[in-house]
Amino acid sequence: MTTTDMTTTGQKKREKNVEDGLSPDLADMLRGIAERQQATEQQLSAVAAKVKSLEASLAELSRLAPASASVMPAKELGQKKDKEITPEMLVVIAAAVTVFLGKKVRIRSAKMLQSPYEIVNPWAQQGRVFVQVSHNLHSRG
């Protein structure tokens, strides 16, 4: 469709909407909404197609991985000290970032960070609780 065809089509729609009793501004807004809705639906279908391809890739990786390595109880995952990132996890992270940014990404390095809850010393935490409670004005009477 050429620019002239689009302009002619837009003029015809505008004239029809004006004939229907809509102001030209309202007709423009309705057309803009319809265009945005169509663009959103196209993006949604693209994301759905990407998810399907990622699911297929994950299924292929799962099929290739040994059965004993793919099944690990949750307790063992939580107790694992070295917390290495598996290649499957890197693929999932890269796919998520690619979908979010809209362009292909390559992960050069990744490492697990220690959770702030693992770092906290219970004694230090309790000390902070006592200090915060001491500032409660309602208990001083």
Protein backbone atom coordinates (compact mmCIF):
# COMPACT_ATOMS: atom_id res chain seq x y z
CA MET A 1 0.00 0.00 0.00
CA THR A 2 1.51 3.33 -1.02
CA THR A 3 1.43 6.59 0.89
CA THR A 4 -1.16 7.97 -1.52
CA ASP A 5 -3.39 4.94 -0.94
CA MET A 6 -3.05 5.34 2.82
CA THR A 7 -3.88 9.05 2.61
CA THR A 8 -6.89 8.33 0.40
CA THR A 9 -8.06 5.57 2.75
CA GLY A 10 -7.57 7.84 5.76
CA GLN A 11 -9.52 10.63 4.07
CA LYS A 12 -12.34 8.24 3.22
CA LYS A 13 -12.51 6.99 6.81
CA ARG A 14 -12.45 10.56 8.11
CA GLU A 15 -15.24 11.60 5.74
CA LYS A 16 -17.30 8.54 6.75
CA ASN A 17 -16.78 9.30 10.46
CA VAL A 18 -17.69 12.96 9.93
CA GLU A 19 -20.81 11.81 8.10
CA ASP A 20 -21.60 9.54 11.07
CA GLY A 21 -21.58 12.59 13.31
CA LEU A 22 -18.06 12.27 14.73
CA SER A 23 -15.75 15.25 14.84
CA PRO A 24 -12.53 15.03 12.81
CA ASP A 25 -10.48 15.03 16.05
CA LEU A 26 -12.46 12.15 17.48
CA ALA A 27 -12.15 10.25 14.21
CA ASP A 28 -8.35 10.77 14.34
CA MET A 29 -8.25 9.48 17.92
CA LEU A 30 -10.29 6.40 17.02
CA ARG A 31 -7.99 5.67 14.09
CA GLY A 32 -4.92 6.11 16.34
CA ILE A 33 -6.39 3.74 18.91
CA ALA A 34 -7.10 1.14 16.23
CA GLU A 35 -3.53 1.43 14.89
CA ARG A 36 -2.04 1.06 18.38
CA GLN A 37 -4.26 -1.93 19.09
CA GLN A 38 -3.13 -3.59 15.86
CA ALA A 39 0.54 -2.89 16.70
CA THR A 40 0.06 -4.33 20.20
CA GLU A 41 -1.56 -7.46 18.80
CA GLN A 42 1.36 -7.90 16.39
CA GLN A 43 3.86 -7.55 19.25
CA LEU A 44 1.88 -10.01 21.35
CA SER A 45 1.86 -12.58 18.57
CA ALA A 46 5.62 -12.09 18.09
CA VAL A 47 6.20 -12.68 21.82
CA ALA A 48 3.97 -15.78 21.73
CA ALA A 49 5.96 -17.14 18.78
CA LYS A 50 9.23 -16.46 20.64
CA VAL A 51 7.91 -18.25 23.74
CA LYS A 52 6.98 -21.28 21.63
CA SER A 53 10.45 -21.38 20.08
CA LEU A 54 12.04 -21.08 23.53
CA GLU A 55 9.86 -23.89 24.84
CA ALA A 56 10.94 -26.02 21.91
CA SER A 57 14.61 -25.18 22.60
CA LEU A 58 14.18 -26.02 26.27
CA ALA A 59 12.51 -29.31 25.40
CA GLU A 60 15.42 -30.14 23.09
CA LEU A 61 17.96 -29.27 25.80
CA SER A 62 16.04 -31.33 28.33
CA ARG A 63 15.99 -34.26 25.95
CA LEU A 64 19.75 -34.02 25.39
CA ALA A 65 20.62 -33.63 29.10
CA PRO A 66 21.06 -36.81 31.15
CA ALA A 67 17.99 -37.74 33.19
CA SER A 68 19.89 -37.76 36.48
CA ALA A 69 21.15 -34.21 35.99
CA SER A 70 17.75 -32.76 35.12
CA VAL A 71 15.99 -33.99 38.27
CA MET A 72 17.34 -32.49 41.46
CA PRO A 73 15.32 -32.24 44.69
CA ALA A 74 14.61 -28.76 45.99
CA LYS A 75 16.51 -29.45 49.22
CA GLU A 76 19.69 -30.18 47.30
CA LEU A 77 19.28 -26.98 45.29
CA GLY A 78 19.00 -24.90 48.46
CA GLN A 79 21.96 -26.59 50.15
CA LYS A 80 24.32 -26.35 47.20
CA LYS A 81 27.16 -24.05 48.28
CA ASP A 82 28.93 -23.24 45.01
CA LYS A 83 25.66 -22.24 43.26
CA GLU A 84 26.82 -22.49 39.68
CA ILE A 85 24.63 -21.31 36.84
CA THR A 86 23.67 -24.06 34.42
CA PRO A 87 23.78 -23.57 30.64
CA GLU A 88 20.00 -24.03 30.54
CA MET A 89 19.60 -21.14 32.99
CA LEU A 90 21.86 -18.95 30.82
CA VAL A 91 19.69 -19.75 27.79
CA VAL A 92 16.54 -18.82 29.70
CA ILE A 93 18.09 -15.57 30.99
CA ALA A 94 19.32 -14.61 27.51
CA ALA A 95 15.90 -15.34 26.02
CA ALA A 96 14.11 -13.26 28.64
CA VAL A 97 16.45 -10.31 28.14
CA THR A 98 16.13 -10.64 24.35
CA VAL A 99 12.33 -10.52 24.55
CA PHE A 100 12.45 -7.60 26.99
CA LEU A 101 14.91 -5.48 25.01
CA GLY A 102 13.70 -6.51 21.59
CA LYS A 103 17.16 -7.31 20.27
CA LYS A 104 19.52 -10.29 20.45
CA VAL A 105 21.81 -10.34 23.50
CA ARG A 106 24.82 -12.41 24.44
CA ILE A 107 25.64 -13.13 28.05
CA ARG A 108 29.37 -12.90 28.60
CA SER A 109 29.39 -13.85 32.26
CA ALA A 110 26.96 -14.57 35.04
CA LYS A 111 27.37 -15.44 38.68
CA MET A 112 25.11 -15.96 41.64
CA LEU A 113 25.17 -13.18 44.20
CA GLN A 114 24.77 -13.81 47.88
CA SER A 115 21.36 -12.92 49.19
CA PRO A 116 21.31 -10.12 51.77
CA TYR A 117 19.37 -12.45 54.06
CA GLU A 118 22.27 -14.92 54.05
CA ILE A 119 24.76 -12.23 55.08
CA VAL A 120 22.85 -10.94 58.13
CA ASN A 121 24.24 -12.00 61.48
CA PRO A 122 21.31 -12.87 63.78
CA TRP A 123 22.90 -11.05 66.71
CA ALA A 124 23.36 -7.88 64.69
CA GLN A 125 19.78 -8.10 63.43
CA GLN A 126 18.46 -8.46 66.98
CA GLY A 127 20.50 -5.44 68.04
CA ARG A 128 18.92 -3.37 65.29
CA VAL A 129 15.47 -4.53 66.40
CA PHE A 130 16.13 -3.32 69.96
CA VAL A 131 17.30 0.07 68.71
CA GLN A 132 14.23 0.48 66.51
CA VAL A 133 11.85 -0.56 69.30
CA SER A 134 13.46 1.94 71.69
CA HIS A 135 12.27 4.75 69.40
CA ASN A 136 8.62 3.78 69.79
CA LEU A 137 7.03 6.79 71.50
CA HIS A 138 3.70 5.11 72.31
CA SER A 139 5.24 2.64 74.75
CA ARG A 140 6.87 5.36 76.92
CA GLY A 141 3.59 6.52 78.48
